[in-house]
Amino acid sequence: MGLIAASARLPACWAGEGPFFITYTHQMEEPGNLEFAAKNVTGKPEGGNRFLGAAAEFEYGLKGWWTTEFYLDGQTTAAQGSLFSGYRWENRFRLLSREHWINPVLYVEFENINGADKTLLEIVNHDGKDDLIEPNADARQEREREIEAKLILGSYYKGWTIAENLIAEKNVRHEPFEFGYALGISRPLAMTARAERCNLCAENFQLGVEMYGGLGTHADFGLRGTSHYIAPTVAWTLANGTAFRASPAFGVTANSAGLLLRFGVSYEIAQFGRATRKFFRGGR
């Protein structure tokens, strides 16, 4: 319990993801809190143009065991222009009410995006650099309405957060089941927060590393022809709740993009739900 209490005194930082961009931890958004966030990724795949993929996120804590999130995706590619690539609706359900050695969370998401989406919020199947060089005019014609499920497993150990994600994705109309994974480990630079407000205190910083990639399909499961990345991560949370993150991701297989740079920012409004209800009740 001491570790949990110490963690609770630390600045809130990316409730469901810690300092990560791809890997989810078992932490949930506080009930009634609303978080605005932006995730961005840029890169220049071999044989293609530099691109910037962006996802705007709106995350809300409905219950202590239920967090919902809505995404709006877009991208811009040099010499090809910019476009809106779709939306996602995500829900996470905590399966155990108390902290355990391993804490499972069920994740379910509906995606309505097109083939030009370059947010790269997960890597499944044989996703790779070839998908990033297809011209926008062609890729945007492909509709991807998919259901994605994840089993999120999270643990705390002596200040370390350890997370494992198993991913399964299926197009609602056709295509095989696609699989992927994400793994992450992180730790704040200090476990106990100071009494005074501080921006540059050690507890405001989290360092970590994550690894993620595809695992083929149910008919071709495995590592052959898949892409995988190793990515150190850093997160910095200001005293007012604004958080910044950055992560260079290094491709480690022939099908991977050589280098991706991820960066993002978030801001959380505490008890947004309560304030909204009070407003519509006329301040009573």
Protein backbone atom coordinates (compact mmCIF):
# COMPACT_ATOMS: atom_id res chain seq x y z
CA MET A 1 0.00 0.00 0.00
CA GLY A 2 2.91 2.35 0.63
CA LEU A 3 3.94 2.21 -3.01
CA ILE A 4 0.40 2.87 -4.19
CA ALA A 5 0.08 5.84 -1.83
CA ALA A 6 3.40 7.26 -2.97
CA SER A 7 2.35 6.91 -6.58
CA ALA A 8 -0.90 8.72 -5.86
CA ARG A 9 1.02 11.77 -4.64
CA LEU A 10 2.93 12.08 -7.89
CA PRO A 11 1.73 14.42 -10.66
CA ALA A 12 -0.92 12.87 -12.90
CA CYS A 13 0.73 11.97 -16.19
CA TRP A 14 -1.17 10.45 -19.08
CA ALA A 15 -3.60 8.37 -17.09
CA GLY A 16 -3.89 5.34 -19.35
CA GLU A 17 -0.44 5.39 -20.88
CA GLY A 18 2.15 6.72 -18.43
CA PRO A 19 5.01 8.14 -20.52
CA PHE A 20 4.20 5.77 -23.40
CA PHE A 21 2.71 6.43 -26.84
CA ILE A 22 1.64 2.91 -27.81
CA THR A 23 1.62 0.82 -24.63
CA TYR A 24 -1.31 1.19 -22.21
CA THR A 25 -0.89 0.72 -18.49
CA HIS A 26 -3.71 -0.39 -16.18
CA GLN A 27 -4.22 3.14 -14.82
CA MET A 28 -7.63 4.65 -15.58
CA GLU A 29 -8.83 8.25 -15.86
CA GLU A 30 -10.22 9.58 -12.57
CA PRO A 31 -14.07 9.62 -12.61
CA GLY A 32 -15.34 12.99 -13.81
CA ASN A 33 -11.97 14.14 -15.18
CA LEU A 34 -11.59 15.17 -18.83
CA GLU A 35 -8.23 15.12 -20.60
CA PHE A 36 -7.43 16.79 -23.92
CA ALA A 37 -4.36 15.43 -25.68
CA ALA A 38 -2.54 15.44 -28.99
CA LYS A 39 -0.33 12.62 -30.24
CA ASN A 40 1.91 13.25 -33.22
CA VAL A 41 4.34 11.12 -35.19
CA THR A 42 6.66 12.13 -38.01
CA GLY A 43 9.08 10.25 -40.20
CA LYS A 44 10.49 9.88 -43.70
CA PRO A 45 10.28 6.25 -44.84
CA GLU A 46 12.76 5.07 -47.43
CA GLY A 47 11.36 5.83 -50.89
CA GLY A 48 8.62 8.09 -49.52
CA ASN A 49 7.94 11.67 -48.43
CA ARG A 50 8.10 13.05 -44.92
CA PHE A 51 4.76 12.86 -43.13
CA LEU A 52 3.12 14.04 -39.93
CA GLY A 53 0.32 11.98 -38.42
CA ALA A 54 -1.78 13.60 -35.69
CA ALA A 55 -4.49 12.34 -33.34
CA ALA A 56 -6.59 14.63 -31.15
CA GLU A 57 -7.84 12.79 -28.04
CA PHE A 58 -10.68 13.45 -25.60
CA GLU A 59 -10.56 11.09 -22.62
CA TYR A 60 -13.19 10.98 -19.88
CA GLY A 61 -13.46 8.95 -16.69
CA LEU A 62 -17.02 7.61 -16.54
CA LYS A 63 -16.41 5.31 -13.58
CA GLY A 64 -13.41 4.17 -11.61
CA TRP A 65 -13.45 1.01 -13.71
CA TRP A 66 -14.53 2.56 -17.06
CA THR A 67 -12.66 5.12 -19.17
CA THR A 68 -13.88 6.21 -22.60
CA GLU A 69 -11.95 8.12 -25.26
CA PHE A 70 -12.66 9.67 -28.67
CA TYR A 71 -10.00 10.33 -31.35
CA LEU A 72 -9.93 12.49 -34.45
CA ASP A 73 -7.13 11.53 -36.87
CA GLY A 74 -5.42 13.47 -39.64
CA GLN A 75 -2.16 13.64 -41.51
CA THR A 76 -0.09 15.73 -43.87
CA THR A 77 2.48 14.40 -46.34
CA ALA A 78 5.05 16.52 -48.16
CA ALA A 79 4.08 17.20 -51.80
CA GLN A 80 0.72 15.44 -51.28
CA GLY A 81 -1.23 17.71 -48.94
CA SER A 82 -3.27 17.18 -45.79
CA LEU A 83 -6.42 15.20 -45.04
CA PHE A 84 -8.75 14.05 -42.28
CA SER A 85 -8.34 10.28 -41.99
CA GLY A 86 -11.14 9.28 -39.61
CA TYR A 87 -12.18 8.74 -36.01
CA ARG A 88 -11.92 6.13 -33.23
CA TRP A 89 -13.99 5.39 -30.14
CA GLU A 90 -12.18 3.56 -27.37
CA ASN A 91 -13.36 2.07 -24.06
CA ARG A 92 -11.25 0.55 -21.30
CA PHE A 93 -12.70 -1.61 -18.51
CA ARG A 94 -10.75 -2.47 -15.39
CA LEU A 95 -11.53 -6.08 -14.45
CA LEU A 96 -10.36 -6.06 -10.80
CA SER A 97 -11.26 -3.31 -8.33
CA ARG A 98 -8.14 -3.59 -6.15
CA GLU A 99 -4.44 -3.50 -6.93
CA HIS A 100 -2.86 -6.90 -7.57
CA TRP A 101 0.50 -8.14 -8.74
CA ILE A 102 -0.95 -8.20 -12.25
CA ASN A 103 -3.92 -5.92 -13.06
CA PRO A 104 -5.95 -6.79 -16.19
CA VAL A 105 -7.84 -4.22 -18.27
CA LEU A 106 -10.03 -4.97 -21.30
CA TYR A 107 -9.80 -2.49 -24.18
CA VAL A 108 -12.34 -2.32 -27.04
CA GLU A 109 -12.19 0.21 -29.87
CA PHE A 110 -14.16 0.92 -33.03
CA GLU A 111 -12.16 2.52 -35.85
CA ASN A 112 -13.61 4.26 -38.89
CA ILE A 113 -10.53 5.43 -40.76
CA ASN A 114 -9.13 5.29 -44.27
CA GLY A 115 -5.95 3.73 -45.61
CA ALA A 116 -4.12 7.06 -45.56
CA ASP A 117 -4.17 7.21 -41.74
CA LYS A 118 -0.62 7.65 -40.43
CA THR A 119 -1.16 8.13 -36.70
CA LEU A 120 0.39 4.68 -36.10
CA LEU A 121 -1.38 4.24 -32.76
CA GLU A 122 -0.73 0.51 -33.02
CA ILE A 123 1.26 -1.84 -35.25
CA VAL A 124 -0.47 -5.09 -36.25
CA ASN A 125 -0.22 -7.80 -38.91
CA HIS A 126 2.48 -6.84 -41.46
CA ASP A 127 2.06 -3.05 -41.13
CA GLY A 128 5.31 -1.49 -42.30
CA LYS A 129 7.14 1.12 -44.29
CA ASP A 130 5.36 0.27 -47.56
CA ASP A 131 2.08 1.46 -46.04
CA LEU A 132 3.67 4.85 -45.36
CA ILE A 133 4.78 5.50 -48.95
CA GLU A 134 1.49 4.79 -50.74
CA PRO A 135 0.18 8.08 -52.26
CA ASN A 136 -2.62 9.75 -50.29
CA ALA A 137 -4.87 9.90 -53.35
CA ASP A 138 -4.86 6.10 -53.57
CA ALA A 139 -4.71 5.20 -49.87
CA ARG A 140 -7.65 7.39 -48.88
CA GLN A 141 -9.98 5.32 -51.07
CA GLU A 142 -9.57 2.32 -48.77
CA ARG A 143 -12.11 2.26 -45.93
CA GLU A 144 -11.10 0.56 -42.68
CA ARG A 145 -13.98 -0.08 -40.28
CA GLU A 146 -12.44 -2.28 -37.63
CA ILE A 147 -12.95 -3.59 -34.13
CA GLU A 148 -9.79 -3.67 -32.05
CA ALA A 149 -9.44 -5.47 -28.73
CA LYS A 150 -6.53 -5.43 -26.29
CA LEU A 151 -5.75 -7.28 -23.13
CA ILE A 152 -3.78 -4.83 -20.99
CA LEU A 153 -1.74 -6.22 -18.11
CA GLY A 154 -0.13 -3.77 -15.69
CA SER A 155 2.05 -4.10 -12.60
CA TYR A 156 3.94 -1.94 -10.10
CA TYR A 157 7.22 -3.16 -8.67
CA LYS A 158 9.46 -1.01 -6.45
CA GLY A 159 8.56 2.17 -8.31
CA TRP A 160 8.58 0.59 -11.77
CA THR A 161 5.49 0.43 -13.95
CA ILE A 162 5.45 -2.64 -16.18
CA ALA A 163 2.83 -3.08 -18.91
CA GLU A 164 2.06 -5.69 -21.55
CA ASN A 165 -0.56 -5.33 -24.30
CA LEU A 166 -1.84 -8.12 -26.55
CA ILE A 167 -3.71 -6.77 -29.60
CA ALA A 168 -6.28 -8.36 -31.92
CA GLU A 169 -7.96 -6.44 -34.75
CA LYS A 170 -10.65 -7.38 -37.27
CA ASN A 171 -12.23 -5.56 -40.19
CA VAL A 172 -16.03 -5.69 -39.68
CA ARG A 173 -16.61 -6.72 -43.31
CA HIS A 174 -13.76 -9.02 -44.27
CA GLU A 175 -10.03 -9.65 -43.82
CA PRO A 176 -8.41 -11.99 -41.28
CA PHE A 177 -7.81 -11.39 -37.61
CA GLU A 178 -4.64 -9.31 -37.20
CA PHE A 179 -2.37 -9.41 -34.17
CA GLY A 180 0.24 -7.22 -32.51
CA TYR A 181 1.80 -6.42 -29.15
CA ALA A 182 3.26 -3.60 -27.07
CA LEU A 183 5.50 -3.78 -24.00
CA GLY A 184 6.66 -0.97 -21.74
CA ILE A 185 8.53 -0.24 -18.55
CA SER A 186 8.89 3.16 -16.87
CA ARG A 187 9.75 4.92 -13.64
CA PRO A 188 9.56 8.49 -12.26
CA LEU A 189 12.87 10.04 -11.28
CA ALA A 190 11.58 10.42 -7.70
CA MET A 191 8.79 8.59 -5.89
CA THR A 192 7.73 11.26 -3.38
CA ALA A 193 6.34 14.66 -4.40
CA ARG A 194 7.42 17.86 -2.66
CA ALA A 195 4.89 19.84 -0.64
CA GLU A 196 5.33 22.98 -2.80
CA ARG A 197 4.25 23.32 -6.45
CA CYS A 198 7.17 22.66 -8.74
CA ASN A 199 7.78 22.32 -12.48
CA LEU A 200 11.35 21.01 -12.54
CA CYS A 201 11.26 18.62 -9.58
CA ALA A 202 12.49 15.08 -10.21
CA GLU A 203 9.04 13.56 -9.57
CA ASN A 204 7.66 15.52 -12.55
CA PHE A 205 9.74 13.44 -14.97
CA GLN A 206 9.17 9.86 -16.08
CA LEU A 207 11.57 7.83 -18.17
CA GLY A 208 10.83 4.57 -19.90
CA VAL A 209 11.18 2.38 -22.95
CA GLU A 210 8.59 0.56 -25.00
CA MET A 211 8.70 -2.06 -27.74
CA TYR A 212 5.88 -2.78 -30.17
CA GLY A 213 5.21 -4.55 -33.44
CA GLY A 214 3.03 -6.85 -35.52
CA LEU A 215 2.45 -10.58 -35.16
CA GLY A 216 0.79 -11.43 -38.48
CA THR A 217 -2.69 -12.95 -38.81
CA HIS A 218 -4.47 -16.07 -37.57
CA ALA A 219 -3.43 -17.78 -40.83
CA ASP A 220 0.14 -16.46 -40.81
CA PHE A 221 0.97 -15.86 -37.18
CA GLY A 222 4.57 -15.00 -36.29
CA LEU A 223 7.39 -12.55 -36.78
CA ARG A 224 8.21 -13.17 -40.45
CA GLY A 225 7.81 -10.01 -42.54
CA THR A 226 6.59 -7.91 -39.61
CA SER A 227 7.84 -4.56 -38.29
CA HIS A 228 9.06 -3.85 -34.76
CA TYR A 229 10.26 -0.76 -32.92
CA ILE A 230 12.21 0.03 -29.76
CA ALA A 231 11.46 3.47 -28.35
CA PRO A 232 12.87 5.27 -25.30
CA THR A 233 10.32 7.70 -23.84
CA VAL A 234 10.31 10.73 -21.58
CA ALA A 235 7.38 12.60 -20.00
CA TRP A 236 7.39 15.93 -18.15
CA THR A 237 4.36 17.11 -16.17
CA LEU A 238 4.01 20.75 -15.09
CA ALA A 239 2.46 21.78 -11.79
CA ASN A 240 -0.72 22.92 -13.58
CA GLY A 241 -1.28 19.43 -15.04
CA THR A 242 0.02 20.07 -18.56
CA ALA A 243 2.18 17.16 -19.70
CA PHE A 244 4.67 16.82 -22.55
CA ARG A 245 6.06 13.60 -24.01
CA ALA A 246 8.64 12.67 -26.64
CA SER A 247 9.95 9.40 -28.01
CA PRO A 248 12.25 8.43 -30.90
CA ALA A 249 11.27 4.99 -32.23
CA PHE A 250 13.92 2.91 -33.97
CA GLY A 251 12.86 0.25 -36.46
CA VAL A 252 14.66 -3.06 -35.91
CA THR A 253 13.47 -5.14 -38.88
CA ALA A 254 13.65 -4.76 -42.65
CA ASN A 255 9.92 -4.00 -42.87
CA SER A 256 10.10 -1.18 -40.28
CA ALA A 257 10.51 2.53 -40.95
CA GLY A 258 14.05 3.46 -39.94
CA LEU A 259 13.14 6.22 -37.47
CA LEU A 260 9.90 7.69 -36.18
CA LEU A 261 9.72 10.67 -33.86
CA ARG A 262 6.69 10.83 -31.58
CA PHE A 263 5.72 13.86 -29.48
CA GLY A 264 2.61 14.98 -27.66
CA VAL A 265 0.98 17.26 -25.11
CA SER A 266 -2.02 16.89 -22.79
CA TYR A 267 -4.04 18.91 -20.30
CA GLU A 268 -6.47 17.53 -17.74
CA ILE A 269 -9.56 19.27 -16.31
CA ALA A 270 -10.32 17.83 -12.88
CA GLN A 271 -13.98 17.07 -12.10
CA PHE A 272 -15.21 18.39 -15.44
CA GLY A 273 -18.33 16.22 -15.16
CA ARG A 274 -19.31 17.65 -11.77
CA ALA A 275 -18.74 21.23 -12.94
CA THR A 276 -20.83 20.62 -16.06
CA ARG A 277 -23.73 19.16 -14.09
CA LYS A 278 -23.58 22.08 -11.66
CA PHE A 279 -23.63 24.59 -14.55
CA PHE A 280 -26.73 23.09 -16.13
CA ARG A 281 -28.47 23.00 -12.76
CA GLY A 282 -28.01 26.73 -12.48
CA GLY A 283 -25.08 26.68 -10.04
CA ARG A 284 -27.00 24.89 -7.26
